[in-house]
Amino acid sequence: MASIIGGTAIQGRASIGGNLCNAAPSADAIPLLIALGAAVRAVSASGERTIAAEDFCVAPGRNCLNPGEIVVSIRIPAPGAGFGAHYLRFIPRNEMDIAVVGAGVSVRIADGKITAARVALASVAPTPVFVKAAGDSLIGKAPTPEAFAAAGEFAKAAASPITDMRGTVEYRRHLCSVLTRRALEAAAAAAQGGKH
């Protein structure tokens, strides 16, 4: 995910924390941070607190930091066995463009069944969207195309996109379903030790 944010010059100066704090609805880092269950540590003169990645963005370009708070770290739980994650985005150009839709997912698979899953979207609402229902729909199921397609429909239903120069509402909703399904397929392949 980090390798597709901006170009080499931007990557040399920017940070994942900065991408998060910018709180853009189209940010590429945020959906995967949400899917990974990341926790953000914010510190100020009065103390510190931990914020779930899915609660960090509150409006376009606005995060939940209080005056005087700064992000000092982002904690991502160790993945462990049977875990896979993936981020996909659709952009009009081949590089350095804002996502029309982005989908970040993670899955944990044990004994042929999905035991945990998280799905998050970019560019389809005023803030990145944690689609809890999509992940929950997969728990206890085998990692099949049908299960992933059903999760994609939950993602599609959770989106509230707008029409702009990059795409229509209908097009973006369709992409939510497609990208979620494809990202889940890739994450499941990684979880099972293969390559997608």
N, C-alpha and C. Protein backbone atom coordinates (compact mmCIF):
# COMPACT_ATOMS: atom_id res chain seq x y z
N MET A 1 0.82 -1.19 0.00
CA MET A 1 0.00 0.00 0.00
C MET A 1 0.87 1.26 0.00
N ALA A 2 1.89 1.27 0.84
CA ALA A 2 2.74 2.46 0.93
C ALA A 2 3.43 2.77 -0.39
N SER A 3 3.72 1.74 -1.16
CA SER A 3 4.46 1.94 -2.41
C SER A 3 3.63 2.62 -3.50
N ILE A 4 2.32 2.71 -3.33
CA ILE A 4 1.49 3.34 -4.36
C ILE A 4 1.05 4.76 -3.99
N ILE A 5 1.47 5.24 -2.82
CA ILE A 5 1.10 6.60 -2.42
C ILE A 5 2.10 7.58 -3.03
N GLY A 6 1.64 8.41 -3.94
CA GLY A 6 2.50 9.41 -4.55
C GLY A 6 3.64 8.78 -5.35
N GLY A 7 4.68 9.57 -5.56
CA GLY A 7 5.86 9.11 -6.28
C GLY A 7 7.03 8.98 -5.32
N THR A 8 8.20 8.73 -5.87
CA THR A 8 9.40 8.51 -5.06
C THR A 8 9.72 9.70 -4.17
N ALA A 9 9.62 10.91 -4.70
CA ALA A 9 9.94 12.09 -3.91
C ALA A 9 8.99 12.24 -2.72
N ILE A 10 7.71 12.01 -2.96
CA ILE A 10 6.74 12.10 -1.87
C ILE A 10 7.00 11.00 -0.85
N GLN A 11 7.26 9.80 -1.30
CA GLN A 11 7.49 8.68 -0.39
C GLN A 11 8.73 8.90 0.47
N GLY A 12 9.70 9.65 -0.04
CA GLY A 12 10.91 9.93 0.72
C GLY A 12 10.71 10.93 1.83
N ARG A 13 9.63 11.70 1.79
CA ARG A 13 9.41 12.73 2.80
C ARG A 13 8.15 12.50 3.62
N ALA A 14 7.22 11.76 3.08
CA ALA A 14 5.93 11.60 3.73
C ALA A 14 5.95 10.42 4.70
N SER A 15 4.83 10.26 5.42
CA SER A 15 4.71 9.14 6.36
C SER A 15 3.29 8.58 6.31
N ILE A 16 3.15 7.35 6.76
CA ILE A 16 1.83 6.75 6.87
C ILE A 16 1.00 7.55 7.88
N GLY A 17 1.63 8.01 8.96
CA GLY A 17 0.93 8.84 9.94
C GLY A 17 0.41 10.13 9.33
N GLY A 18 1.19 10.72 8.44
CA GLY A 18 0.75 11.94 7.77
C GLY A 18 -0.44 11.69 6.86
N ASN A 19 -0.41 10.55 6.14
CA ASN A 19 -1.53 10.18 5.28
C ASN A 19 -2.79 10.00 6.12
N LEU A 20 -2.64 9.39 7.29
CA LEU A 20 -3.76 9.21 8.21
C LEU A 20 -4.26 10.55 8.74
N CYS A 21 -3.35 11.39 9.22
CA CYS A 21 -3.75 12.68 9.81
C CYS A 21 -4.39 13.62 8.79
N ASN A 22 -4.01 13.49 7.53
CA ASN A 22 -4.61 14.31 6.48
C ASN A 22 -6.10 14.01 6.33
N ALA A 23 -6.51 12.82 6.70
CA ALA A 23 -7.92 12.40 6.77
C ALA A 23 -8.68 12.58 5.46
N ALA A 24 -8.01 12.38 4.34
CA ALA A 24 -8.69 12.47 3.05
C ALA A 24 -9.58 11.24 2.86
N PRO A 25 -10.79 11.41 2.37
CA PRO A 25 -11.65 10.24 2.12
C PRO A 25 -11.02 9.25 1.15
N SER A 26 -10.13 9.73 0.29
CA SER A 26 -9.48 8.89 -0.74
C SER A 26 -8.11 8.37 -0.32
N ALA A 27 -7.70 8.59 0.92
CA ALA A 27 -6.37 8.19 1.36
C ALA A 27 -6.16 6.69 1.17
N ASP A 28 -5.03 6.31 0.62
CA ASP A 28 -4.76 4.90 0.37
C ASP A 28 -4.34 4.14 1.63
N ALA A 29 -3.71 4.82 2.58
CA ALA A 29 -3.23 4.12 3.78
C ALA A 29 -4.37 3.73 4.72
N ILE A 30 -5.39 4.55 4.81
CA ILE A 30 -6.38 4.39 5.88
C ILE A 30 -7.19 3.10 5.77
N PRO A 31 -7.72 2.72 4.61
CA PRO A 31 -8.49 1.46 4.59
C PRO A 31 -7.69 0.25 5.06
N LEU A 32 -6.42 0.17 4.67
CA LEU A 32 -5.64 -0.99 5.09
C LEU A 32 -5.32 -0.90 6.59
N LEU A 33 -5.06 0.30 7.11
CA LEU A 33 -4.85 0.44 8.55
C LEU A 33 -6.09 -0.04 9.31
N ILE A 34 -7.27 0.33 8.81
CA ILE A 34 -8.51 -0.14 9.43
C ILE A 34 -8.61 -1.66 9.33
N ALA A 35 -8.34 -2.19 8.16
CA ALA A 35 -8.44 -3.64 7.96
C ALA A 35 -7.45 -4.40 8.84
N LEU A 36 -6.32 -3.81 9.12
CA LEU A 36 -5.31 -4.44 9.97
C LEU A 36 -5.59 -4.27 11.46
N GLY A 37 -6.63 -3.52 11.79
CA GLY A 37 -6.96 -3.28 13.20
C GLY A 37 -5.95 -2.38 13.89
N ALA A 38 -5.42 -1.41 13.16
CA ALA A 38 -4.39 -0.52 13.70
C ALA A 38 -4.95 0.36 14.82
N ALA A 39 -4.07 0.67 15.77
CA ALA A 39 -4.40 1.57 16.87
C ALA A 39 -3.44 2.76 16.82
N VAL A 40 -3.97 3.95 16.90
CA VAL A 40 -3.20 5.18 16.78
C VAL A 40 -2.95 5.75 18.17
N ARG A 41 -1.68 6.00 18.50
CA ARG A 41 -1.33 6.58 19.80
C ARG A 41 -1.12 8.07 19.63
N ALA A 42 -1.95 8.86 20.32
CA ALA A 42 -1.87 10.32 20.27
C ALA A 42 -1.43 10.83 21.64
N VAL A 43 -0.53 11.81 21.62
CA VAL A 43 0.05 12.33 22.86
C VAL A 43 -0.06 13.85 22.88
N SER A 44 -0.34 14.39 24.07
CA SER A 44 -0.33 15.84 24.28
C SER A 44 0.27 16.11 25.65
N ALA A 45 0.37 17.38 26.02
CA ALA A 45 0.90 17.75 27.34
C ALA A 45 0.05 17.19 28.46
N SER A 46 -1.21 16.92 28.21
CA SER A 46 -2.10 16.42 29.25
C SER A 46 -2.20 14.90 29.31
N GLY A 47 -1.50 14.20 28.44
CA GLY A 47 -1.52 12.74 28.49
C GLY A 47 -1.54 12.11 27.12
N GLU A 48 -1.96 10.86 27.09
CA GLU A 48 -2.02 10.15 25.81
C GLU A 48 -3.27 9.31 25.74
N ARG A 49 -3.64 8.95 24.52
CA ARG A 49 -4.79 8.07 24.31
C ARG A 49 -4.56 7.24 23.06
N THR A 50 -5.32 6.16 22.97
CA THR A 50 -5.26 5.27 21.82
C THR A 50 -6.58 5.33 21.09
N ILE A 51 -6.49 5.46 19.77
CA ILE A 51 -7.68 5.63 18.92
C ILE A 51 -7.66 4.54 17.86
N ALA A 52 -8.77 3.83 17.71
CA ALA A 52 -8.87 2.84 16.64
C ALA A 52 -8.82 3.56 15.29
N ALA A 53 -8.14 2.97 14.33
CA ALA A 53 -8.00 3.61 13.02
C ALA A 53 -9.34 3.96 12.41
N GLU A 54 -10.35 3.11 12.61
CA GLU A 54 -11.67 3.39 12.02
C GLU A 54 -12.38 4.58 12.66
N ASP A 55 -11.91 5.04 13.83
CA ASP A 55 -12.52 6.18 14.51
C ASP A 55 -11.74 7.47 14.33
N PHE A 56 -10.63 7.42 13.60
CA PHE A 56 -9.71 8.55 13.54
C PHE A 56 -10.21 9.69 12.66
N CYS A 57 -10.79 9.39 11.51
CA CYS A 57 -11.27 10.42 10.58
C CYS A 57 -12.72 10.76 10.91
N VAL A 58 -13.01 12.06 11.03
CA VAL A 58 -14.36 12.46 11.42
C VAL A 58 -15.10 13.25 10.33
N ALA A 59 -14.38 13.75 9.34
CA ALA A 59 -14.97 14.50 8.24
C ALA A 59 -13.89 14.64 7.17
N PRO A 60 -14.26 15.07 5.96
CA PRO A 60 -13.23 15.23 4.94
C PRO A 60 -12.13 16.20 5.41
N GLY A 61 -10.90 15.71 5.49
CA GLY A 61 -9.79 16.54 5.91
C GLY A 61 -9.75 16.84 7.40
N ARG A 62 -10.59 16.18 8.20
CA ARG A 62 -10.61 16.41 9.65
C ARG A 62 -10.45 15.10 10.40
N ASN A 63 -9.53 15.11 11.35
CA ASN A 63 -9.35 13.94 12.21
C ASN A 63 -9.81 14.27 13.62
N CYS A 64 -9.72 13.30 14.51
CA CYS A 64 -10.25 13.46 15.87
C CYS A 64 -9.23 14.00 16.86
N LEU A 65 -8.05 14.41 16.39
CA LEU A 65 -7.05 14.93 17.32
C LEU A 65 -7.53 16.22 17.98
N ASN A 66 -7.27 16.34 19.26
CA ASN A 66 -7.58 17.56 20.00
C ASN A 66 -6.45 18.56 19.81
N PRO A 67 -6.70 19.84 20.03
CA PRO A 67 -5.61 20.83 19.94
C PRO A 67 -4.44 20.42 20.84
N GLY A 68 -3.24 20.46 20.29
CA GLY A 68 -2.05 20.10 21.05
C GLY A 68 -1.68 18.63 20.99
N GLU A 69 -2.53 17.79 20.40
CA GLU A 69 -2.21 16.36 20.28
C GLU A 69 -1.46 16.09 18.99
N ILE A 70 -0.55 15.14 19.05
CA ILE A 70 0.13 14.66 17.84
C ILE A 70 0.13 13.13 17.84
N VAL A 71 0.18 12.57 16.65
CA VAL A 71 0.30 11.13 16.52
C VAL A 71 1.77 10.76 16.68
N VAL A 72 2.06 9.86 17.62
CA VAL A 72 3.45 9.45 17.85
C VAL A 72 3.72 8.03 17.38
N SER A 73 2.67 7.22 17.24
CA SER A 73 2.89 5.88 16.73
C SER A 73 1.58 5.27 16.24
N ILE A 74 1.74 4.27 15.40
CA ILE A 74 0.60 3.47 14.93
C ILE A 74 0.96 2.02 15.20
N ARG A 75 0.12 1.35 15.99
CA ARG A 75 0.38 -0.04 16.35
C ARG A 75 -0.48 -0.95 15.48
N ILE A 76 0.18 -1.88 14.82
CA ILE A 76 -0.52 -2.87 14.00
C ILE A 76 -0.27 -4.23 14.65
N PRO A 77 -1.32 -4.94 15.03
CA PRO A 77 -1.12 -6.24 15.68
C PRO A 77 -0.31 -7.20 14.79
N ALA A 78 0.52 -8.01 15.43
CA ALA A 78 1.29 -9.02 14.69
C ALA A 78 0.32 -9.96 13.98
N PRO A 79 0.58 -10.28 12.71
CA PRO A 79 -0.40 -11.04 11.93
C PRO A 79 -0.59 -12.49 12.36
N GLY A 80 0.47 -13.19 12.65
CA GLY A 80 0.34 -14.59 13.03
C GLY A 80 0.03 -15.49 11.84
N ALA A 81 -0.09 -16.77 12.13
CA ALA A 81 -0.33 -17.77 11.08
C ALA A 81 -1.74 -17.64 10.52
N GLY A 82 -1.86 -17.96 9.25
CA GLY A 82 -3.18 -17.96 8.62
C GLY A 82 -3.76 -16.59 8.35
N PHE A 83 -2.91 -15.57 8.35
CA PHE A 83 -3.39 -14.19 8.17
C PHE A 83 -2.96 -13.66 6.81
N GLY A 84 -3.86 -12.91 6.17
CA GLY A 84 -3.53 -12.24 4.91
C GLY A 84 -4.27 -10.92 4.82
N ALA A 85 -3.65 -9.96 4.18
CA ALA A 85 -4.27 -8.65 3.98
C ALA A 85 -3.92 -8.15 2.59
N HIS A 86 -4.75 -7.26 2.07
CA HIS A 86 -4.50 -6.73 0.73
C HIS A 86 -5.24 -5.41 0.56
N TYR A 87 -4.65 -4.54 -0.28
CA TYR A 87 -5.30 -3.27 -0.63
C TYR A 87 -5.33 -3.16 -2.15
N LEU A 88 -6.48 -2.81 -2.68
CA LEU A 88 -6.64 -2.55 -4.11
C LEU A 88 -7.32 -1.21 -4.30
N ARG A 89 -6.94 -0.53 -5.34
CA ARG A 89 -7.64 0.71 -5.69
C ARG A 89 -7.83 0.75 -7.20
N PHE A 90 -8.83 1.52 -7.60
CA PHE A 90 -9.01 1.78 -9.03
C PHE A 90 -8.73 3.25 -9.24
N ILE A 91 -7.82 3.54 -10.18
CA ILE A 91 -7.48 4.92 -10.52
C ILE A 91 -7.58 5.10 -12.02
N PRO A 92 -7.91 6.32 -12.46
CA PRO A 92 -8.03 6.55 -13.91
C PRO A 92 -6.71 6.44 -14.65
N ARG A 93 -5.60 6.85 -14.01
CA ARG A 93 -4.28 6.76 -14.65
C ARG A 93 -3.50 5.64 -13.99
N ASN A 94 -2.36 5.31 -14.54
CA ASN A 94 -1.56 4.21 -14.03
C ASN A 94 -0.89 4.51 -12.70
N GLU A 95 -0.64 5.77 -12.39
CA GLU A 95 0.06 6.10 -11.15
C GLU A 95 -0.24 7.51 -10.72
N MET A 96 0.05 7.79 -9.46
CA MET A 96 -0.06 9.12 -8.87
C MET A 96 -1.41 9.77 -9.15
N ASP A 97 -2.48 9.06 -8.89
CA ASP A 97 -3.82 9.62 -9.05
C ASP A 97 -4.63 9.27 -7.82
N ILE A 98 -5.71 9.99 -7.63
CA ILE A 98 -6.60 9.75 -6.50
C ILE A 98 -7.52 8.58 -6.83
N ALA A 99 -7.70 7.69 -5.86
CA ALA A 99 -8.52 6.51 -6.09
C ALA A 99 -9.98 6.88 -6.35
N VAL A 100 -10.56 6.22 -7.35
CA VAL A 100 -12.01 6.30 -7.56
C VAL A 100 -12.69 5.51 -6.44
N VAL A 101 -12.13 4.35 -6.14
CA VAL A 101 -12.52 3.51 -5.00
C VAL A 101 -11.29 2.76 -4.55
N GLY A 102 -11.15 2.56 -3.26
CA GLY A 102 -10.10 1.71 -2.70
C GLY A 102 -10.71 0.74 -1.71
N ALA A 103 -10.15 -0.47 -1.63
CA ALA A 103 -10.64 -1.48 -0.69
C ALA A 103 -9.46 -2.12 0.03
N GLY A 104 -9.48 -2.04 1.35
CA GLY A 104 -8.48 -2.69 2.19
C GLY A 104 -9.15 -3.80 2.98
N VAL A 105 -8.55 -4.97 2.99
CA VAL A 105 -9.17 -6.12 3.66
C VAL A 105 -8.11 -6.93 4.42
N SER A 106 -8.59 -7.70 5.39
CA SER A 106 -7.75 -8.69 6.04
C SER A 106 -8.61 -9.89 6.38
N VAL A 107 -7.98 -11.06 6.40
CA VAL A 107 -8.66 -12.30 6.78
C VAL A 107 -7.71 -13.17 7.59
N ARG A 108 -8.29 -13.94 8.47
CA ARG A 108 -7.55 -14.99 9.18
C ARG A 108 -8.27 -16.29 8.90
N ILE A 109 -7.51 -17.31 8.47
CA ILE A 109 -8.10 -18.60 8.09
C ILE A 109 -7.46 -19.70 8.93
N ALA A 110 -8.31 -20.53 9.51
CA ALA A 110 -7.84 -21.69 10.27
C ALA A 110 -8.74 -22.88 9.96
N ASP A 111 -8.14 -24.02 9.70
CA ASP A 111 -8.89 -25.24 9.40
C ASP A 111 -9.91 -25.05 8.27
N GLY A 112 -9.51 -24.27 7.26
CA GLY A 112 -10.35 -24.08 6.09
C GLY A 112 -11.52 -23.14 6.27
N LYS A 113 -11.58 -22.44 7.42
CA LYS A 113 -12.67 -21.49 7.68
C LYS A 113 -12.11 -20.12 8.03
N ILE A 114 -12.84 -19.09 7.68
CA ILE A 114 -12.45 -17.73 8.03
C ILE A 114 -12.84 -17.48 9.48
N THR A 115 -11.85 -17.13 10.30
CA THR A 115 -12.11 -16.89 11.72
C THR A 115 -12.15 -15.41 12.07
N ALA A 116 -11.63 -14.56 11.19
CA ALA A 116 -11.68 -13.11 11.39
C ALA A 116 -11.55 -12.45 10.03
N ALA A 117 -12.23 -11.31 9.86
CA ALA A 117 -12.14 -10.56 8.60
C ALA A 117 -12.54 -9.12 8.84
N ARG A 118 -11.87 -8.23 8.15
CA ARG A 118 -12.20 -6.80 8.22
C ARG A 118 -12.12 -6.21 6.81
N VAL A 119 -13.04 -5.29 6.53
CA VAL A 119 -13.11 -4.65 5.21
C VAL A 119 -13.28 -3.15 5.42
N ALA A 120 -12.53 -2.35 4.65
CA ALA A 120 -12.68 -0.90 4.70
C ALA A 120 -12.54 -0.33 3.29
N LEU A 121 -13.19 0.80 3.07
CA LEU A 121 -13.24 1.42 1.74
C LEU A 121 -12.73 2.85 1.77
N ALA A 122 -12.22 3.30 0.63
CA ALA A 122 -11.81 4.70 0.44
C ALA A 122 -12.58 5.29 -0.73
N SER A 123 -12.75 6.60 -0.70
CA SER A 123 -13.33 7.39 -1.80
C SER A 123 -14.81 7.16 -2.06
N VAL A 124 -15.53 6.62 -1.07
CA VAL A 124 -16.95 6.36 -1.31
C VAL A 124 -17.84 6.96 -0.21
N ALA A 125 -17.28 7.86 0.60
CA ALA A 125 -18.03 8.51 1.67
C ALA A 125 -17.20 9.70 2.15
N PRO A 126 -17.75 10.53 3.03
CA PRO A 126 -16.97 11.67 3.53
C PRO A 126 -15.71 11.27 4.31
N THR A 127 -15.70 10.05 4.84
CA THR A 127 -14.52 9.51 5.53
C THR A 127 -14.31 8.08 5.04
N PRO A 128 -13.11 7.52 5.24
CA PRO A 128 -12.94 6.09 4.96
C PRO A 128 -13.97 5.29 5.75
N VAL A 129 -14.46 4.21 5.16
CA VAL A 129 -15.58 3.46 5.74
C VAL A 129 -15.13 2.08 6.22
N PHE A 130 -15.37 1.79 7.50
CA PHE A 130 -15.18 0.45 8.04
C PHE A 130 -16.48 -0.31 7.83
N VAL A 131 -16.43 -1.37 6.99
CA VAL A 131 -17.64 -2.12 6.66
C VAL A 131 -17.66 -3.39 7.52
N LYS A 132 -18.05 -3.22 8.77
CA LYS A 132 -18.04 -4.34 9.71
C LYS A 132 -18.90 -5.50 9.22
N ALA A 133 -20.05 -5.18 8.62
CA ALA A 133 -20.97 -6.23 8.17
C ALA A 133 -20.32 -7.12 7.11
N ALA A 134 -19.46 -6.56 6.27
CA ALA A 134 -18.80 -7.36 5.24
C ALA A 134 -17.86 -8.38 5.88
N GLY A 135 -17.06 -7.94 6.84
CA GLY A 135 -16.17 -8.86 7.52
C GLY A 135 -16.94 -9.90 8.32
N ASP A 136 -17.95 -9.44 9.05
CA ASP A 136 -18.75 -10.36 9.87
C ASP A 136 -19.43 -11.43 9.03
N SER A 137 -19.81 -11.08 7.79
CA SER A 137 -20.51 -12.04 6.93
C SER A 137 -19.63 -13.23 6.56
N LEU A 138 -18.32 -13.08 6.72
CA LEU A 138 -17.39 -14.14 6.32
C LEU A 138 -17.04 -15.11 7.45
N ILE A 139 -17.28 -14.72 8.68
CA ILE A 139 -16.86 -15.53 9.82
C ILE A 139 -17.53 -16.91 9.78
N GLY A 140 -16.71 -17.94 9.90
CA GLY A 140 -17.21 -19.31 9.92
C GLY A 140 -17.40 -19.92 8.54
N LYS A 141 -17.16 -19.16 7.50
CA LYS A 141 -17.35 -19.67 6.14
C LYS A 141 -16.02 -20.06 5.52
N ALA A 142 -16.09 -20.92 4.54
CA ALA A 142 -14.91 -21.25 3.75
C ALA A 142 -14.58 -20.06 2.85
N PRO A 143 -13.30 -19.86 2.53
CA PRO A 143 -12.91 -18.74 1.67
C PRO A 143 -13.22 -19.03 0.20
N THR A 144 -14.48 -18.89 -0.16
CA THR A 144 -14.93 -19.21 -1.51
C THR A 144 -15.27 -17.95 -2.29
N PRO A 145 -15.29 -18.04 -3.61
CA PRO A 145 -15.70 -16.88 -4.41
C PRO A 145 -17.10 -16.39 -4.04
N GLU A 146 -17.98 -17.32 -3.70
CA GLU A 146 -19.35 -16.93 -3.35
C GLU A 146 -19.38 -16.13 -2.05
N ALA A 147 -18.60 -16.54 -1.07
CA ALA A 147 -18.55 -15.82 0.20
C ALA A 147 -17.96 -14.42 0.00
N PHE A 148 -16.92 -14.33 -0.83
CA PHE A 148 -16.30 -13.04 -1.08
C PHE A 148 -17.22 -12.13 -1.88
N ALA A 149 -17.98 -12.69 -2.81
CA ALA A 149 -18.94 -11.89 -3.58
C ALA A 149 -20.03 -11.34 -2.66
N ALA A 150 -20.47 -12.15 -1.71
CA ALA A 150 -21.49 -11.69 -0.76
C ALA A 150 -20.95 -10.56 0.11
N ALA A 151 -19.69 -10.68 0.54
CA ALA A 151 -19.07 -9.60 1.31
C ALA A 151 -18.96 -8.33 0.47
N GLY A 152 -18.66 -8.50 -0.81
CA GLY A 152 -18.61 -7.36 -1.72
C GLY A 152 -19.93 -6.62 -1.81
N GLU A 153 -21.03 -7.36 -1.72
CA GLU A 153 -22.34 -6.72 -1.75
C GLU A 153 -22.59 -5.91 -0.48
N PHE A 154 -22.08 -6.38 0.67
CA PHE A 154 -22.17 -5.58 1.90
C PHE A 154 -21.37 -4.29 1.75
N ALA A 155 -20.21 -4.39 1.13
CA ALA A 155 -19.39 -3.20 0.90
C ALA A 155 -20.11 -2.22 -0.01
N LYS A 156 -20.70 -2.74 -1.05
CA LYS A 156 -21.46 -1.90 -1.99
C LYS A 156 -22.59 -1.17 -1.27
N ALA A 157 -23.30 -1.88 -0.39
CA ALA A 157 -24.42 -1.28 0.33
C ALA A 157 -23.97 -0.23 1.34
N ALA A 158 -22.75 -0.37 1.87
CA ALA A 158 -22.25 0.57 2.88
C ALA A 158 -21.75 1.87 2.29
N ALA A 159 -21.50 1.88 1.00
CA ALA A 159 -20.93 3.07 0.34
C ALA A 159 -21.98 4.15 0.16
N SER A 160 -21.53 5.39 0.30
CA SER A 160 -22.40 6.54 0.00
C SER A 160 -21.62 7.54 -0.84
N PRO A 161 -21.25 7.12 -2.05
CA PRO A 161 -20.39 7.95 -2.89
C PRO A 161 -21.14 9.09 -3.56
N ILE A 162 -20.36 9.96 -4.18
CA ILE A 162 -20.92 11.05 -4.97
C ILE A 162 -20.50 10.85 -6.42
N THR A 163 -21.15 11.56 -7.30
CA THR A 163 -20.74 11.61 -8.70
C THR A 163 -19.81 12.80 -8.86
N ASP A 164 -18.64 12.57 -9.45
CA ASP A 164 -17.73 13.65 -9.76
C ASP A 164 -16.99 13.30 -11.05
N MET A 165 -15.92 14.02 -11.36
CA MET A 165 -15.23 13.80 -12.63
C MET A 165 -14.57 12.43 -12.71
N ARG A 166 -14.41 11.74 -11.59
CA ARG A 166 -13.77 10.42 -11.61
C ARG A 166 -14.76 9.28 -11.78
N GLY A 167 -16.03 9.52 -11.50
CA GLY A 167 -16.99 8.44 -11.64
C GLY A 167 -18.34 8.77 -11.06
N THR A 168 -19.32 8.01 -11.48
CA THR A 168 -20.69 8.21 -10.99
C THR A 168 -20.92 7.41 -9.71
N VAL A 169 -22.02 7.71 -9.06
CA VAL A 169 -22.41 6.95 -7.87
C VAL A 169 -22.52 5.47 -8.20
N GLU A 170 -23.20 5.16 -9.29
CA GLU A 170 -23.42 3.76 -9.67
C GLU A 170 -22.10 3.04 -9.95
N TYR A 171 -21.21 3.72 -10.66
CA TYR A 171 -19.91 3.13 -11.01
C TYR A 171 -19.11 2.85 -9.75
N ARG A 172 -19.10 3.79 -8.82
CA ARG A 172 -18.34 3.61 -7.58
C ARG A 172 -18.92 2.48 -6.73
N ARG A 173 -20.24 2.40 -6.67
CA ARG A 173 -20.84 1.29 -5.90
C ARG A 173 -20.44 -0.06 -6.51
N HIS A 174 -20.49 -0.13 -7.83
CA HIS A 174 -20.09 -1.37 -8.51
C HIS A 174 -18.63 -1.71 -8.18
N LEU A 175 -17.75 -0.71 -8.21
CA LEU A 175 -16.34 -0.94 -7.91
C LEU A 175 -16.14 -1.40 -6.46
N CYS A 176 -16.97 -0.93 -5.55
CA CYS A 176 -16.86 -1.39 -4.15
C CYS A 176 -16.99 -2.90 -4.08
N SER A 177 -17.97 -3.42 -4.77
CA SER A 177 -18.20 -4.86 -4.78
C SER A 177 -17.04 -5.60 -5.43
N VAL A 178 -16.63 -5.15 -6.59
CA VAL A 178 -15.57 -5.83 -7.35
C VAL A 178 -14.24 -5.78 -6.60
N LEU A 179 -13.83 -4.60 -6.13
CA LEU A 179 -12.53 -4.48 -5.47
C LEU A 179 -12.50 -5.22 -4.15
N THR A 180 -13.60 -5.20 -3.41
CA THR A 180 -13.65 -5.94 -2.15
C THR A 180 -13.48 -7.43 -2.41
N ARG A 181 -14.21 -7.95 -3.39
CA ARG A 181 -14.10 -9.37 -3.72
C ARG A 181 -12.67 -9.73 -4.13
N ARG A 182 -12.08 -8.94 -5.01
CA ARG A 182 -10.73 -9.24 -5.49
C ARG A 182 -9.69 -9.13 -4.38
N ALA A 183 -9.83 -8.11 -3.53
CA ALA A 183 -8.89 -7.94 -2.42
C ALA A 183 -9.00 -9.11 -1.45
N LEU A 184 -10.23 -9.57 -1.19
CA LEU A 184 -10.42 -10.72 -0.31
C LEU A 184 -9.80 -11.99 -0.90
N GLU A 185 -9.93 -12.17 -2.19
CA GLU A 185 -9.31 -13.33 -2.85
C GLU A 185 -7.79 -13.30 -2.67
N ALA A 186 -7.20 -12.12 -2.83
CA ALA A 186 -5.75 -11.99 -2.68
C ALA A 186 -5.33 -12.20 -1.24
N ALA A 187 -6.09 -11.65 -0.30
CA ALA A 187 -5.77 -11.81 1.12
C ALA A 187 -5.88 -13.27 1.54
N ALA A 188 -6.91 -13.95 1.06
CA ALA A 188 -7.11 -15.37 1.40
C ALA A 188 -5.97 -16.21 0.82
N ALA A 189 -5.53 -15.89 -0.38
CA ALA A 189 -4.41 -16.62 -0.98
C ALA A 189 -3.16 -16.44 -0.14
N ALA A 190 -2.91 -15.23 0.34
CA ALA A 190 -1.75 -14.97 1.20
C ALA A 190 -1.90 -15.70 2.53
N ALA A 191 -3.10 -15.71 3.08
CA ALA A 191 -3.35 -16.39 4.35
C ALA A 191 -3.09 -17.88 4.26
N GLN A 192 -3.30 -18.43 3.09
CA GLN A 192 -3.15 -19.87 2.90
C GLN A 192 -1.77 -20.21 2.34
N GLY A 193 -0.87 -19.21 2.35
CA GLY A 193 0.52 -19.48 1.97
C GLY A 193 0.83 -19.40 0.51
N GLY A 194 -0.13 -18.97 -0.28
CA GLY A 194 0.10 -18.86 -1.71
C GLY A 194 0.28 -17.43 -2.13
N LYS A 195 0.44 -17.24 -3.41
CA LYS A 195 0.54 -15.91 -4.00
C LYS A 195 -0.62 -15.72 -4.93
N HIS A 196 -1.15 -14.50 -4.97
CA HIS A 196 -2.30 -14.22 -5.81
C HIS A 196 -1.82 -13.62 -7.11
